[in-house]
PDB file of N, CA and C in Angstrom:
ATOM      1  N   MET A   1      -2.279 -11.867  16.058  1.00  0.00           N
ATOM      2  CA  MET A   1      -3.901 -11.961  16.910  1.00  0.00           C
ATOM      3  C   MET A   1      -3.494 -10.676  17.656  1.00  0.00           C
ATOM      4  N   LEU A   2      -5.122 -10.829  17.896  1.00  0.00           N
ATOM      5  CA  LEU A   2      -5.222  -9.381  18.739  1.00  0.00           C
ATOM      6  C   LEU A   2      -5.233 -10.593  20.575  1.00  0.00           C
ATOM      7  N   TYR A   3      -4.675 -10.080  21.154  1.00  0.00           N
ATOM      8  CA  TYR A   3      -4.395 -10.438  22.545  1.00  0.00           C
ATOM      9  C   TYR A   3      -5.207  -9.469  23.659  1.00  0.00           C
ATOM     10  N   GLN A   4      -6.142  -9.569  24.199  1.00  0.00           N
ATOM     11  CA  GLN A   4      -6.499  -8.823  25.632  1.00  0.00           C
ATOM     12  C   GLN A   4      -6.645  -8.984  26.748  1.00  0.00           C
ATOM     13  N   LEU A   5      -4.878  -8.105  27.513  1.00  0.00           N
ATOM     14  CA  LEU A   5      -4.892  -8.307  28.603  1.00  0.00           C
ATOM     15  C   LEU A   5      -5.772  -8.188  30.014  1.00  0.00           C
ATOM     16  N   THR A   6      -5.471  -8.584  30.922  1.00  0.00           N
ATOM     17  CA  THR A   6      -6.537  -8.328  32.252  1.00  0.00           C
ATOM     18  C   THR A   6      -6.729  -6.930  32.017  1.00  0.00           C
ATOM     19  N   ASP A   7      -6.378  -5.844  31.925  1.00  0.00           N
ATOM     20  CA  ASP A   7      -6.771  -4.573  32.069  1.00  0.00           C
ATOM     21  C   ASP A   7      -8.093  -4.368  30.936  1.00  0.00           C
ATOM     22  N   GLY A   8      -8.286  -5.079  29.985  1.00  0.00           N
ATOM     23  CA  GLY A   8      -8.579  -4.255  28.909  1.00  0.00           C
ATOM     24  C   GLY A   8      -7.788  -3.930  27.578  1.00  0.00           C
ATOM     25  N   ARG A   9      -6.901  -3.628  27.915  1.00  0.00           N
ATOM     26  CA  ARG A   9      -6.062  -3.435  26.384  1.00  0.00           C
ATOM     27  C   ARG A   9      -6.237  -4.605  25.833  1.00  0.00           C
ATOM     28  N   VAL A  10      -5.372  -3.982  24.613  1.00  0.00           N
ATOM     29  CA  VAL A  10      -5.670  -5.029  23.339  1.00  0.00           C
ATOM     30  C   VAL A  10      -3.557  -4.746  23.042  1.00  0.00           C
ATOM     31  N   VAL A  11      -3.246  -6.060  23.159  1.00  0.00           N
ATOM     32  CA  VAL A  11      -2.197  -6.050  22.369  1.00  0.00           C
ATOM     33  C   VAL A  11      -2.368  -6.784  20.941  1.00  0.00           C
ATOM     34  N   GLU A  12      -1.019  -6.173  20.000  1.00  0.00           N
ATOM     35  CA  GLU A  12      -1.003  -7.864  18.762  1.00  0.00           C
ATOM     36  C   GLU A  12       0.089  -8.373  18.768  1.00  0.00           C
ATOM     37  N   ILE A  13       0.125  -9.929  18.682  1.00  0.00           N
ATOM     38  CA  ILE A  13       1.249  -9.917  19.172  1.00  0.00           C
ATOM     39  C   ILE A  13       0.961 -11.589  17.447  1.00  0.00           C
ATOM     40  N   SER A  14       1.863 -12.384  18.001  1.00  0.00           N
ATOM     41  CA  SER A  14       1.505 -13.515  16.453  1.00  0.00           C
ATOM     42  C   SER A  14       1.742 -14.118  17.202  1.00  0.00           C
ATOM     43  N   THR A  15       0.657 -15.427  16.589  1.00  0.00           N
ATOM     44  CA  THR A  15       0.433 -16.809  16.970  1.00  0.00           C
ATOM     45  C   THR A  15       2.126 -17.569  17.671  1.00  0.00           C
ATOM     46  N   GLU A  16       2.623 -17.313  16.523  1.00  0.00           N
ATOM     47  CA  GLU A  16       3.908 -18.643  17.713  1.00  0.00           C
ATOM     48  C   GLU A  16       4.383 -17.675  18.901  1.00  0.00           C
ATOM     49  N   ASP A  17       4.490 -15.867  18.534  1.00  0.00           N
ATOM     50  CA  ASP A  17       4.909 -15.360  20.312  1.00  0.00           C
ATOM     51  C   ASP A  17       4.260 -15.732  21.428  1.00  0.00           C
ATOM     52  N   TYR A  18       2.745 -15.650  20.918  1.00  0.00           N
ATOM     53  CA  TYR A  18       1.300 -16.066  22.234  1.00  0.00           C
ATOM     54  C   TYR A  18       1.934 -17.921  22.390  1.00  0.00           C
ATOM     55  N   PHE A  19       2.189 -18.625  21.874  1.00  0.00           N
ATOM     56  CA  PHE A  19       2.409 -19.919  22.361  1.00  0.00           C
ATOM     57  C   PHE A  19       3.557 -20.136  22.615  1.00  0.00           C
ATOM     58  N   ASN A  20       4.724 -19.032  22.395  1.00  0.00           N
ATOM     59  CA  ASN A  20       6.200 -18.962  23.182  1.00  0.00           C
ATOM     60  C   ASN A  20       6.038 -18.509  24.770  1.00  0.00           C
ATOM     61  N   PHE A  21       4.973 -17.222  24.562  1.00  0.00           N
ATOM     62  CA  PHE A  21       4.907 -16.723  26.245  1.00  0.00           C
ATOM     63  C   PHE A  21       5.106 -17.100  27.360  1.00  0.00           C
ATOM     64  N   THR A  22       4.830 -17.265  28.276  1.00  0.00           N
ATOM     65  CA  THR A  22       4.253 -17.844  29.618  1.00  0.00           C
ATOM     66  C   THR A  22       3.122 -16.931  30.316  1.00  0.00           C
ATOM     67  N   ASP A  23       2.648 -17.816  31.063  1.00  0.00           N
ATOM     68  CA  ASP A  23       1.286 -16.662  31.984  1.00  0.00           C
ATOM     69  C   ASP A  23       2.402 -15.568  32.169  1.00  0.00           C
ATOM     70  N   GLU A  24       3.316 -15.681  33.136  1.00  0.00           N
ATOM     71  CA  GLU A  24       4.218 -14.438  33.538  1.00  0.00           C
ATOM     72  C   GLU A  24       4.379 -13.140  32.643  1.00  0.00           C
ATOM     73  N   GLU A  25       5.230 -13.873  31.237  1.00  0.00           N
ATOM     74  CA  GLU A  25       5.479 -12.761  30.599  1.00  0.00           C
ATOM     75  C   GLU A  25       4.529 -12.007  30.082  1.00  0.00           C
ATOM     76  N   LEU A  26       2.874 -12.986  29.687  1.00  0.00           N
ATOM     77  CA  LEU A  26       1.734 -12.347  29.374  1.00  0.00           C
ATOM     78  C   LEU A  26       1.688 -11.226  30.202  1.00  0.00           C
ATOM     79  N   ASN A  27       1.334 -11.223  31.789  1.00  0.00           N
ATOM     80  CA  ASN A  27       1.214 -10.919  32.477  1.00  0.00           C
ATOM     81  C   ASN A  27       2.364  -9.305  32.733  1.00  0.00           C
ATOM     82  N   SER A  28       3.082  -9.645  31.821  1.00  0.00           N
ATOM     83  CA  SER A  28       4.392  -8.419  32.331  1.00  0.00           C
ATOM     84  C   SER A  28       4.157  -7.231  31.045  1.00  0.00           C
ATOM     85  N   LEU A  29       3.325  -7.371  30.051  1.00  0.00           N
ATOM     86  CA  LEU A  29       2.648  -6.567  29.250  1.00  0.00           C
ATOM     87  C   LEU A  29       2.495  -5.843  29.818  1.00  0.00           C
ATOM     88  N   LEU A  30       1.383  -5.980  31.221  1.00  0.00           N
ATOM     89  CA  LEU A  30       0.714  -5.156  31.846  1.00  0.00           C
ATOM     90  C   LEU A  30       1.451  -3.864  32.770  1.00  0.00           C
ATOM     91  N   GLY A  31       2.686  -4.422  33.360  1.00  0.00           N
ATOM     92  CA  GLY A  31       2.655  -3.315  33.669  1.00  0.00           C
ATOM     93  C   GLY A  31       4.385  -2.659  32.610  1.00  0.00           C
ATOM     94  N   TYR A  32       4.766  -3.116  31.430  1.00  0.00           N
ATOM     95  CA  TYR A  32       5.026  -1.623  29.839  1.00  0.00           C
ATOM     96  C   TYR A  32       4.400  -0.940  29.801  1.00  0.00           C
ATOM     97  N   ASN A  33       2.483  -1.029  29.879  1.00  0.00           N
ATOM     98  CA  ASN A  33       1.980   0.059  29.703  1.00  0.00           C
ATOM     99  C   ASN A  33       1.767  -0.296  28.039  1.00  0.00           C
ATOM    100  N   CYS A  34       1.365  -2.353  27.864  1.00  0.00           N
ATOM    101  CA  CYS A  34       1.592  -1.748  25.845  1.00  0.00           C
ATOM    102  C   CYS A  34       0.558  -2.341  26.075  1.00  0.00           C
ATOM    103  N   GLY A  35      -0.060  -2.212  24.511  1.00  0.00           N
ATOM    104  CA  GLY A  35      -1.801  -2.745  24.470  1.00  0.00           C
ATOM    105  C   GLY A  35      -2.534  -0.898  23.974  1.00  0.00           C
ATOM    106  N   ASP A  36      -3.246  -1.089  23.880  1.00  0.00           N
ATOM    107  CA  ASP A  36      -4.171   0.296  23.594  1.00  0.00           C
ATOM    108  C   ASP A  36      -5.825  -0.205  23.989  1.00  0.00           C
ATOM    109  N   TYR A  37      -6.765   0.781  24.124  1.00  0.00           N
ATOM    110  CA  TYR A  37      -7.730   0.447  24.833  1.00  0.00           C
ATOM    111  C   TYR A  37      -8.957   0.377  22.797  1.00  0.00           C
ATOM    112  N   ILE A  38      -9.452  -0.602  22.593  1.00  0.00           N
ATOM    113  CA  ILE A  38      -9.952  -0.821  21.802  1.00  0.00           C
ATOM    114  C   ILE A  38     -11.762  -0.716  21.379  1.00  0.00           C
ATOM    115  N   ASN A  39     -12.222   0.133  20.875  1.00  0.00           N
ATOM    116  CA  ASN A  39     -13.892   0.345  21.248  1.00  0.00           C
ATOM    117  C   ASN A  39     -14.571  -0.049  19.870  1.00  0.00           C
ATOM    118  N   ASN A  40     -13.845   0.066  18.921  1.00  0.00           N
ATOM    119  CA  ASN A  40     -14.379  -0.583  17.711  1.00  0.00           C
ATOM    120  C   ASN A  40     -14.397  -2.220  17.297  1.00  0.00           C
ATOM    121  N   PRO A  41     -14.927  -2.952  17.600  1.00  0.00           N
ATOM    122  CA  PRO A  41     -15.860  -4.620  17.202  1.00  0.00           C
ATOM    123  C   PRO A  41     -15.082  -4.954  15.831  1.00  0.00           C
ATOM    124  N   MET A  42     -15.108  -4.198  15.076  1.00  0.00           N
ATOM    125  CA  MET A  42     -14.241  -4.396  13.474  1.00  0.00           C
ATOM    126  C   MET A  42     -12.857  -3.852  13.601  1.00  0.00           C
ATOM    127  N   TYR A  43     -11.912  -3.745  14.374  1.00  0.00           N
ATOM    128  CA  TYR A  43     -10.424  -3.340  14.493  1.00  0.00           C
ATOM    129  C   TYR A  43      -9.778  -4.645  14.539  1.00  0.00           C
ATOM    130  N   GLY A  44      -8.685  -4.330  13.607  1.00  0.00           N
ATOM    131  CA  GLY A  44      -8.302  -5.624  12.388  1.00  0.00           C
ATOM    132  C   GLY A  44      -8.994  -6.514  11.279  1.00  0.00           C
ATOM    133  N   SER A  45     -10.415  -6.474  11.375  1.00  0.00           N
ATOM    134  CA  SER A  45     -11.126  -7.265  10.316  1.00  0.00           C
ATOM    135  C   SER A  45     -10.445  -7.059   9.022  1.00  0.00           C
ATOM    136  N   ALA A  46     -10.944  -8.129   8.008  1.00  0.00           N
ATOM    137  CA  ALA A  46     -10.335  -8.024   6.728  1.00  0.00           C
ATOM    138  C   ALA A  46     -11.062  -6.681   6.165  1.00  0.00           C
ATOM    139  N   MET A  47     -12.399  -6.725   6.302  1.00  0.00           N
ATOM    140  CA  MET A  47     -13.446  -5.759   5.722  1.00  0.00           C
ATOM    141  C   MET A  47     -13.004  -4.361   5.848  1.00  0.00           C
ATOM    142  N   GLN A  48     -11.919  -3.898   7.192  1.00  0.00           N
ATOM    143  CA  GLN A  48     -11.951  -2.846   7.259  1.00  0.00           C
ATOM    144  C   GLN A  48      -9.856  -2.433   6.659  1.00  0.00           C
ATOM    145  N   LYS A  49      -9.034  -3.241   6.245  1.00  0.00           N
ATOM    146  CA  LYS A  49      -7.495  -3.036   5.941  1.00  0.00           C
ATOM    147  C   LYS A  49      -7.793  -2.320   4.908  1.00  0.00           C
ATOM    148  N   ARG A  50      -6.915  -1.372   4.959  1.00  0.00           N
ATOM    149  CA  ARG A  50      -6.435  -0.451   3.961  1.00  0.00           C
ATOM    150  C   ARG A  50      -5.965  -1.651   1.998  1.00  0.00           C
ATOM    151  N   GLY A  51      -6.070  -0.874   1.604  1.00  0.00           N
ATOM    152  CA  GLY A  51      -5.213  -1.366   0.430  1.00  0.00           C
ATOM    153  C   GLY A  51      -6.510  -2.254  -0.897  1.00  0.00           C
ATOM    154  N   ARG A  52      -7.610  -2.716   0.459  1.00  0.00           N
ATOM    155  CA  ARG A  52      -8.190  -3.834  -0.142  1.00  0.00           C
ATOM    156  C   ARG A  52      -9.602  -2.601  -1.249  1.00  0.00           C
ATOM    157  N   PRO A  53      -9.368  -3.232  -2.417  1.00  0.00           N
ATOM    158  CA  PRO A  53     -10.329  -1.968  -3.642  1.00  0.00           C
ATOM    159  C   PRO A  53     -11.734  -2.834  -3.269  1.00  0.00           C
ATOM    160  N   SER A  54     -12.505  -1.214  -2.979  1.00  0.00           N
ATOM    161  CA  SER A  54     -14.522  -1.521  -3.006  1.00  0.00           C
ATOM    162  C   SER A  54     -14.303  -1.787  -4.446  1.00  0.00           C
ATOM    163  N   GLU A  55     -15.517  -2.305  -4.912  1.00  0.00           N
ATOM    164  CA  GLU A  55     -16.215  -2.899  -5.894  1.00  0.00           C
ATOM    165  C   GLU A  55     -17.057  -1.145  -6.524  1.00  0.00           C
ATOM    166  N   ASP A  56     -16.651  -0.056  -5.640  1.00  0.00           N
ATOM    167  CA  ASP A  56     -17.536   1.482  -6.119  1.00  0.00           C
ATOM    168  C   ASP A  56     -16.001   1.568  -6.739  1.00  0.00           C
ATOM    169  N   ASP A  57     -14.938   1.311  -6.778  1.00  0.00           N
ATOM    170  CA  ASP A  57     -13.720   1.855  -7.290  1.00  0.00           C
ATOM    171  C   ASP A  57     -13.498   1.225  -9.104  1.00  0.00           C
ATOM    172  N   GLU A  58     -13.828   0.165  -8.785  1.00  0.00           N
ATOM    173  CA  GLU A  58     -14.228  -0.182 -10.849  1.00  0.00           C
ATOM    174  C   GLU A  58     -15.145   0.062 -10.990  1.00  0.00           C
ATOM    175  N   PRO A  59     -14.665   0.907 -12.560  1.00  0.00           N
ATOM    176  CA  PRO A  59     -15.513   1.341 -13.705  1.00  0.00           C
ATOM    177  C   PRO A  59     -16.511  -0.003 -13.972  1.00  0.00           C
ATOM    178  N   PHE A  60     -17.948   1.330 -14.869  1.00  0.00           N
ATOM    179  CA  PHE A  60     -18.526   0.326 -15.240  1.00  0.00           C
ATOM    180  C   PHE A  60     -18.375  -0.768 -16.600  1.00  0.00           C
ATOM    181  N   TYR A  61     -18.080  -1.434 -17.194  1.00  0.00           N
ATOM    182  CA  TYR A  61     -18.076  -1.691 -18.602  1.00  0.00           C
ATOM    183  C   TYR A  61     -18.958  -2.048 -19.293  1.00  0.00           C
ATOM    184  N   GLY A  62     -20.150  -2.387 -18.464  1.00  0.00           N
ATOM    185  CA  GLY A  62     -21.167  -2.761 -19.403  1.00  0.00           C
ATOM    186  C   GLY A  62     -21.799  -2.087 -20.807  1.00  0.00           C
ATOM    187  N   GLU A  63     -21.443  -1.059 -20.790  1.00  0.00           N
ATOM    188  CA  GLU A  63     -21.967  -0.492 -21.976  1.00  0.00           C
ATOM    189  C   GLU A  63     -20.904  -0.316 -23.592  1.00  0.00           C
ATOM    190  N   GLN A  64     -19.763  -0.428 -22.514  1.00  0.00           N
ATOM    191  CA  GLN A  64     -19.103  -0.038 -23.575  1.00  0.00           C
ATOM    192  C   GLN A  64     -18.733  -1.592 -24.355  1.00  0.00           C
ATOM    193  N   ASP A  65     -17.627  -1.530 -26.002  1.00  0.00           N
ATOM    194  CA  ASP A  65     -17.851  -2.358 -27.153  1.00  0.00           C
ATOM    195  C   ASP A  65     -16.347  -3.080 -26.208  1.00  0.00           C
ATOM    196  N   ILE A  66     -16.395  -4.544 -26.358  1.00  0.00           N
ATOM    197  CA  ILE A  66     -15.636  -5.684 -25.674  1.00  0.00           C
ATOM    198  C   ILE A  66     -14.095  -5.595 -26.158  1.00  0.00           C
ATOM    199  N   ASN A  67     -14.303  -4.729 -27.091  1.00  0.00           N
ATOM    200  CA  ASN A  67     -12.562  -4.338 -27.446  1.00  0.00           C
ATOM    201  C   ASN A  67     -11.724  -3.478 -26.570  1.00  0.00           C
ATOM    202  N   ASP A  68     -12.628  -2.429 -26.393  1.00  0.00           N
ATOM    203  CA  ASP A  68     -12.288  -1.408 -25.042  1.00  0.00           C
ATOM    204  C   ASP A  68     -11.928  -1.878 -23.825  1.00  0.00           C
ATOM    205  N   VAL A  69     -12.325  -2.952 -23.502  1.00  0.00           N
ATOM    206  CA  VAL A  69     -12.171  -3.390 -21.663  1.00  0.00           C
ATOM    207  C   VAL A  69     -10.609  -4.133 -21.490  1.00  0.00           C
ATOM    208  N   PRO A  70     -10.470  -3.503 -20.665  1.00  0.00           N
ATOM    209  CA  PRO A  70      -8.676  -4.753 -21.073  1.00  0.00           C
ATOM    210  C   PRO A  70      -9.028  -5.594 -20.479  1.00  0.00           C
ATOM    211  N   ASP A  71      -7.997  -6.842 -20.951  1.00  0.00           N
ATOM    212  CA  ASP A  71      -7.875  -7.736 -20.930  1.00  0.00           C
ATOM    213  C   ASP A  71      -7.916  -8.494 -19.282  1.00  0.00           C
ATOM    214  N   GLU A  72      -7.404  -7.775 -17.840  1.00  0.00           N
ATOM    215  CA  GLU A  72      -7.401  -8.250 -16.689  1.00  0.00           C
ATOM    216  C   GLU A  72      -8.706  -8.442 -16.447  1.00  0.00           C
ATOM    217  N   VAL A  73      -9.445  -7.523 -17.224  1.00  0.00           N
ATOM    218  CA  VAL A  73     -10.905  -7.220 -16.480  1.00  0.00           C
ATOM    219  C   VAL A  73     -11.781  -8.227 -17.346  1.00  0.00           C
ATOM    220  N   LYS A  74     -11.747  -8.699 -18.487  1.00  0.00           N
ATOM    221  CA  LYS A  74     -12.239  -9.693 -19.030  1.00  0.00           C
ATOM    222  C   LYS A  74     -11.677 -10.752 -18.304  1.00  0.00           C
ATOM    223  N   TYR A  75     -10.583 -11.230 -17.921  1.00  0.00           N
ATOM    224  CA  TYR A  75     -10.686 -12.422 -17.788  1.00  0.00           C
ATOM    225  C   TYR A  75     -10.964 -12.299 -16.273  1.00  0.00           C
ATOM    226  N   ARG A  76     -11.351 -11.612 -15.655  1.00  0.00           N
ATOM    227  CA  ARG A  76     -11.889 -11.549 -14.216  1.00  0.00           C
ATOM    228  C   ARG A  76     -12.958 -12.154 -14.054  1.00  0.00           C
ATOM    229  N   ASP A  77     -14.042 -11.693 -15.658  1.00  0.00           N
ATOM    230  CA  ASP A  77     -15.130 -12.018 -16.310  1.00  0.00           C
ATOM    231  C   ASP A  77     -15.918 -13.272 -15.738  1.00  0.00           C
ATOM    232  N   GLN A  78     -16.713 -14.122 -15.047  1.00  0.00           N
ATOM    233  CA  GLN A  78     -17.288 -14.912 -15.116  1.00  0.00           C
ATOM    234  C   GLN A  78     -17.799 -15.394 -16.377  1.00  0.00           C
ATOM    235  N   ASP A  79     -18.768 -14.582 -16.826  1.00  0.00           N
ATOM    236  CA  ASP A  79     -18.997 -15.230 -18.524  1.00  0.00           C
ATOM    237  C   ASP A  79     -18.482 -14.818 -19.450  1.00  0.00           C
ATOM    238  N   TYR A  80     -16.877 -14.539 -19.457  1.00  0.00           N
ATOM    239  CA  TYR A  80     -16.295 -13.617 -20.658  1.00  0.00           C
ATOM    240  C   TYR A  80     -16.088 -15.328 -21.083  1.00  0.00           C
ATOM    241  N   THR A  81     -15.591 -15.783 -22.504  1.00  0.00           N
ATOM    242  CA  THR A  81     -15.463 -16.229 -23.772  1.00  0.00           C
ATOM    243  C   THR A  81     -14.751 -15.801 -24.691  1.00  0.00           C
ATOM    244  N   ALA A  82     -13.185 -16.372 -25.048  1.00  0.00           N
ATOM    245  CA  ALA A  82     -12.595 -15.480 -26.027  1.00  0.00           C
ATOM    246  C   ALA A  82     -12.970 -15.089 -27.551  1.00  0.00           C
ATOM    247  N   ASP A  83     -14.496 -15.984 -27.313  1.00  0.00           N
ATOM    248  CA  ASP A  83     -14.854 -15.956 -28.698  1.00  0.00           C
ATOM    249  C   ASP A  83     -15.888 -14.771 -29.129  1.00  0.00           C
ATOM    250  N   GLU A  84     -16.138 -13.771 -27.765  1.00  0.00           N
ATOM    251  CA  GLU A  84     -17.135 -12.977 -27.890  1.00  0.00           C
ATOM    252  C   GLU A  84     -16.055 -11.679 -29.073  1.00  0.00           C
ATOM    253  N   GLU A  85     -14.859 -11.913 -28.900  1.00  0.00           N
ATOM    254  CA  GLU A  85     -14.313 -10.260 -29.770  1.00  0.00           C
ATOM    255  C   GLU A  85     -14.579 -10.921 -31.152  1.00  0.00           C
TER     256      GLU A  85
END
């Protein structure tokens, strides 16, 4: 989770650590100059994370023969039925 310190810097800590920290321990992070200033409101968002495939990366199989489409794409298709082959 992202936790904003009183000076505006943001640190990433687990929720378990957050619940185990006392207020003094959280304030001590200020003394260690932990965290960064974040100006992007989408920072850490699931929409921004790497490794997530975008819809533009997947090829379009609409014009191809059903036998040329890979099996994993067929099974993800909502309208595919096995008797189409």
